[in-house]
Amino acid sequence: LTPQETYHVSNSGKAADHLLKMRPGDTLAVLVDESGKLQSLQYAISTTDTLIVERTDTNQFESSINTKLVESRLNFAQGTIETSFWNAGLKANMTEKQIMSLAGIFG
């Protein structure tokens, strides 16, 4: 990116402030045209929110945040512990992480 493009992207709106919180290892998806001019960029803020900065028809940049809808599902299961909590979790086809998470709930 040119210094001018960087400046215009940083002033493309309040949503672009999320770029100031980037950390080493974060990824930007950048789209440039044939002449090398920046057209858009995307930055994953979280698993559900993505910052999008796009060049407009007036050659300015606008920023917005695209939020994915998250569907929550509840599930119910029950069982009887006959040997150990760990073995009962394995018998119920739980992962080790799920067993440890559940163990944390019961102390």
C-alpha atoms as a PDB file:
ATOM      1  CA  LEU A   1       0.000   0.000   0.000  1.00  0.00           C
ATOM      2  CA  THR A   2       1.149   3.503  -0.689  1.00  0.00           C
ATOM      3  CA  PRO A   3       1.381   5.969   2.192  1.00  0.00           C
ATOM      4  CA  GLN A   4      -1.575   7.847   0.677  1.00  0.00           C
ATOM      5  CA  GLU A   5      -3.723   4.708   0.540  1.00  0.00           C
ATOM      6  CA  THR A   6      -2.775   3.848   4.115  1.00  0.00           C
ATOM      7  CA  TYR A   7      -3.808   7.336   5.212  1.00  0.00           C
ATOM      8  CA  HIS A   8      -7.133   7.188   3.368  1.00  0.00           C
ATOM      9  CA  VAL A   9      -7.908   3.700   4.710  1.00  0.00           C
ATOM     10  CA  SER A  10      -7.189   4.843   8.274  1.00  0.00           C
ATOM     11  CA  ASN A  11      -9.612   7.752   7.773  1.00  0.00           C
ATOM     12  CA  SER A  12     -12.342   5.678   6.112  1.00  0.00           C
ATOM     13  CA  GLY A  13     -14.631   5.697   9.141  1.00  0.00           C
ATOM     14  CA  LYS A  14     -14.909   4.638  12.756  1.00  0.00           C
ATOM     15  CA  ALA A  15     -14.914   0.960  11.826  1.00  0.00           C
ATOM     16  CA  ALA A  16     -11.366   1.310  10.461  1.00  0.00           C
ATOM     17  CA  ASP A  17     -10.148   1.985  14.021  1.00  0.00           C
ATOM     18  CA  HIS A  18     -10.042  -1.809  14.423  1.00  0.00           C
ATOM     19  CA  LEU A  19      -6.920  -1.805  12.236  1.00  0.00           C
ATOM     20  CA  LEU A  20      -5.101  -0.038  15.073  1.00  0.00           C
ATOM     21  CA  LYS A  21      -5.607  -3.150  17.225  1.00  0.00           C
ATOM     22  CA  MET A  22      -3.903  -5.551  14.821  1.00  0.00           C
ATOM     23  CA  ARG A  23      -1.385  -7.937  16.332  1.00  0.00           C
ATOM     24  CA  PRO A  24       1.540  -9.822  14.816  1.00  0.00           C
ATOM     25  CA  GLY A  25       0.162 -12.844  12.970  1.00  0.00           C
ATOM     26  CA  ASP A  26      -3.169 -11.200  12.077  1.00  0.00           C
ATOM     27  CA  THR A  27      -4.108 -11.462   8.402  1.00  0.00           C
ATOM     28  CA  LEU A  28      -5.389  -8.869   5.956  1.00  0.00           C
ATOM     29  CA  ALA A  29      -7.046  -9.866   2.685  1.00  0.00           C
ATOM     30  CA  VAL A  30      -6.125  -7.184   0.127  1.00  0.00           C
ATOM     31  CA  LEU A  31      -7.567  -6.689  -3.365  1.00  0.00           C
ATOM     32  CA  VAL A  32      -5.613  -4.513  -5.812  1.00  0.00           C
ATOM     33  CA  ASP A  33      -6.460  -3.755  -9.453  1.00  0.00           C
ATOM     34  CA  GLU A  34      -4.233  -4.236 -12.514  1.00  0.00           C
ATOM     35  CA  SER A  35      -2.500  -0.891 -11.882  1.00  0.00           C
ATOM     36  CA  GLY A  36      -1.693  -1.823  -8.289  1.00  0.00           C
ATOM     37  CA  LYS A  37      -4.285   0.476  -6.676  1.00  0.00           C
ATOM     38  CA  LEU A  38      -5.953  -0.798  -3.541  1.00  0.00           C
ATOM     39  CA  GLN A  39      -9.621  -1.629  -4.129  1.00  0.00           C
ATOM     40  CA  SER A  40     -10.572  -3.278  -0.838  1.00  0.00           C
ATOM     41  CA  LEU A  41      -9.289  -5.015   2.238  1.00  0.00           C
ATOM     42  CA  GLN A  42     -10.790  -7.327   4.832  1.00  0.00           C
ATOM     43  CA  TYR A  43      -9.685  -7.919   8.399  1.00  0.00           C
ATOM     44  CA  ALA A  44     -11.234 -10.563  10.663  1.00  0.00           C
ATOM     45  CA  ILE A  45     -11.928  -8.777  13.947  1.00  0.00           C
ATOM     46  CA  SER A  46     -13.418 -11.904  15.524  1.00  0.00           C
ATOM     47  CA  THR A  47     -14.974 -15.178  14.449  1.00  0.00           C
ATOM     48  CA  THR A  48     -18.198 -13.318  13.650  1.00  0.00           C
ATOM     49  CA  ASP A  49     -17.088  -9.774  12.699  1.00  0.00           C
ATOM     50  CA  THR A  50     -15.092  -8.733   9.630  1.00  0.00           C
ATOM     51  CA  LEU A  51     -13.910  -5.209   8.851  1.00  0.00           C
ATOM     52  CA  ILE A  52     -14.385  -4.339   5.183  1.00  0.00           C
ATOM     53  CA  VAL A  53     -12.778  -1.255   3.630  1.00  0.00           C
ATOM     54  CA  GLU A  54     -13.715  -0.572   0.005  1.00  0.00           C
ATOM     55  CA  ARG A  55     -12.875   2.090  -2.568  1.00  0.00           C
ATOM     56  CA  THR A  56     -16.031   3.929  -3.680  1.00  0.00           C
ATOM     57  CA  ASP A  57     -16.951   5.319  -7.111  1.00  0.00           C
ATOM     58  CA  THR A  58     -15.721   8.726  -5.902  1.00  0.00           C
ATOM     59  CA  ASN A  59     -12.250   7.242  -5.247  1.00  0.00           C
ATOM     60  CA  GLN A  60     -12.691   7.462  -1.458  1.00  0.00           C
ATOM     61  CA  PHE A  61     -12.600   4.606   1.044  1.00  0.00           C
ATOM     62  CA  GLU A  62     -15.529   3.529   3.213  1.00  0.00           C
ATOM     63  CA  SER A  63     -15.334   1.083   6.086  1.00  0.00           C
ATOM     64  CA  SER A  64     -17.999  -1.171   7.529  1.00  0.00           C
ATOM     65  CA  ILE A  65     -18.266  -4.236   9.716  1.00  0.00           C
ATOM     66  CA  ASN A  66     -19.922  -7.380   8.392  1.00  0.00           C
ATOM     67  CA  THR A  67     -21.378  -9.477  11.214  1.00  0.00           C
ATOM     68  CA  LYS A  68     -22.236 -13.130  10.652  1.00  0.00           C
ATOM     69  CA  LEU A  69     -25.364 -14.399  12.337  1.00  0.00           C
ATOM     70  CA  VAL A  70     -24.706 -17.081  14.910  1.00  0.00           C
ATOM     71  CA  GLU A  71     -27.201 -19.839  15.450  1.00  0.00           C
ATOM     72  CA  SER A  72     -27.336 -21.131  19.009  1.00  0.00           C
ATOM     73  CA  ARG A  73     -28.471 -24.647  19.684  1.00  0.00           C
ATOM     74  CA  LEU A  74     -29.204 -26.227  23.019  1.00  0.00           C
ATOM     75  CA  ASN A  75     -28.557 -29.883  23.585  1.00  0.00           C
ATOM     76  CA  PHE A  76     -29.410 -32.132  26.492  1.00  0.00           C
ATOM     77  CA  ALA A  77     -27.813 -35.326  27.670  1.00  0.00           C
ATOM     78  CA  GLN A  78     -27.856 -37.336  30.842  1.00  0.00           C
ATOM     79  CA  GLY A  79     -26.022 -40.295  32.202  1.00  0.00           C
ATOM     80  CA  THR A  80     -25.014 -42.190  35.277  1.00  0.00           C
ATOM     81  CA  ILE A  81     -21.463 -42.262  36.572  1.00  0.00           C
ATOM     82  CA  GLU A  82     -20.715 -45.869  37.522  1.00  0.00           C
ATOM     83  CA  THR A  83     -16.898 -45.859  37.606  1.00  0.00           C
ATOM     84  CA  SER A  84     -15.076 -42.556  37.282  1.00  0.00           C
ATOM     85  CA  PHE A  85     -16.109 -39.198  35.928  1.00  0.00           C
ATOM     86  CA  TRP A  86     -13.421 -39.461  33.232  1.00  0.00           C
ATOM     87  CA  ASN A  87     -14.472 -42.940  32.061  1.00  0.00           C
ATOM     88  CA  ALA A  88     -18.142 -41.950  32.074  1.00  0.00           C
ATOM     89  CA  GLY A  89     -17.286 -38.974  29.841  1.00  0.00           C
ATOM     90  CA  LEU A  90     -15.370 -41.190  27.419  1.00  0.00           C
ATOM     91  CA  LYS A  91     -18.239 -43.699  27.356  1.00  0.00           C
ATOM     92  CA  ALA A  92     -20.593 -40.826  26.471  1.00  0.00           C
ATOM     93  CA  ASN A  93     -18.337 -40.024  23.477  1.00  0.00           C
ATOM     94  CA  MET A  94     -17.191 -36.721  24.960  1.00  0.00           C
ATOM     95  CA  THR A  95     -13.836 -35.239  23.955  1.00  0.00           C
ATOM     96  CA  GLU A  96     -11.126 -34.746  26.566  1.00  0.00           C
ATOM     97  CA  LYS A  97     -11.699 -30.994  26.345  1.00  0.00           C
ATOM     98  CA  GLN A  98     -15.436 -31.405  26.973  1.00  0.00           C
ATOM     99  CA  ILE A  99     -14.774 -33.664  29.974  1.00  0.00           C
ATOM    100  CA  MET A 100     -12.348 -31.159  31.498  1.00  0.00           C
ATOM    101  CA  SER A 101     -14.749 -28.283  30.836  1.00  0.00           C
ATOM    102  CA  LEU A 102     -17.569 -30.167  32.535  1.00  0.00           C
ATOM    103  CA  ALA A 103     -15.272 -31.100  35.422  1.00  0.00           C
ATOM    104  CA  GLY A 104     -14.554 -27.392  35.897  1.00  0.00           C
ATOM    105  CA  ILE A 105     -18.268 -26.708  36.297  1.00  0.00           C
ATOM    106  CA  PHE A 106     -18.625 -29.239  39.116  1.00  0.00           C
ATOM    107  CA  GLY A 107     -15.343 -28.287  40.778  1.00  0.00           C
END
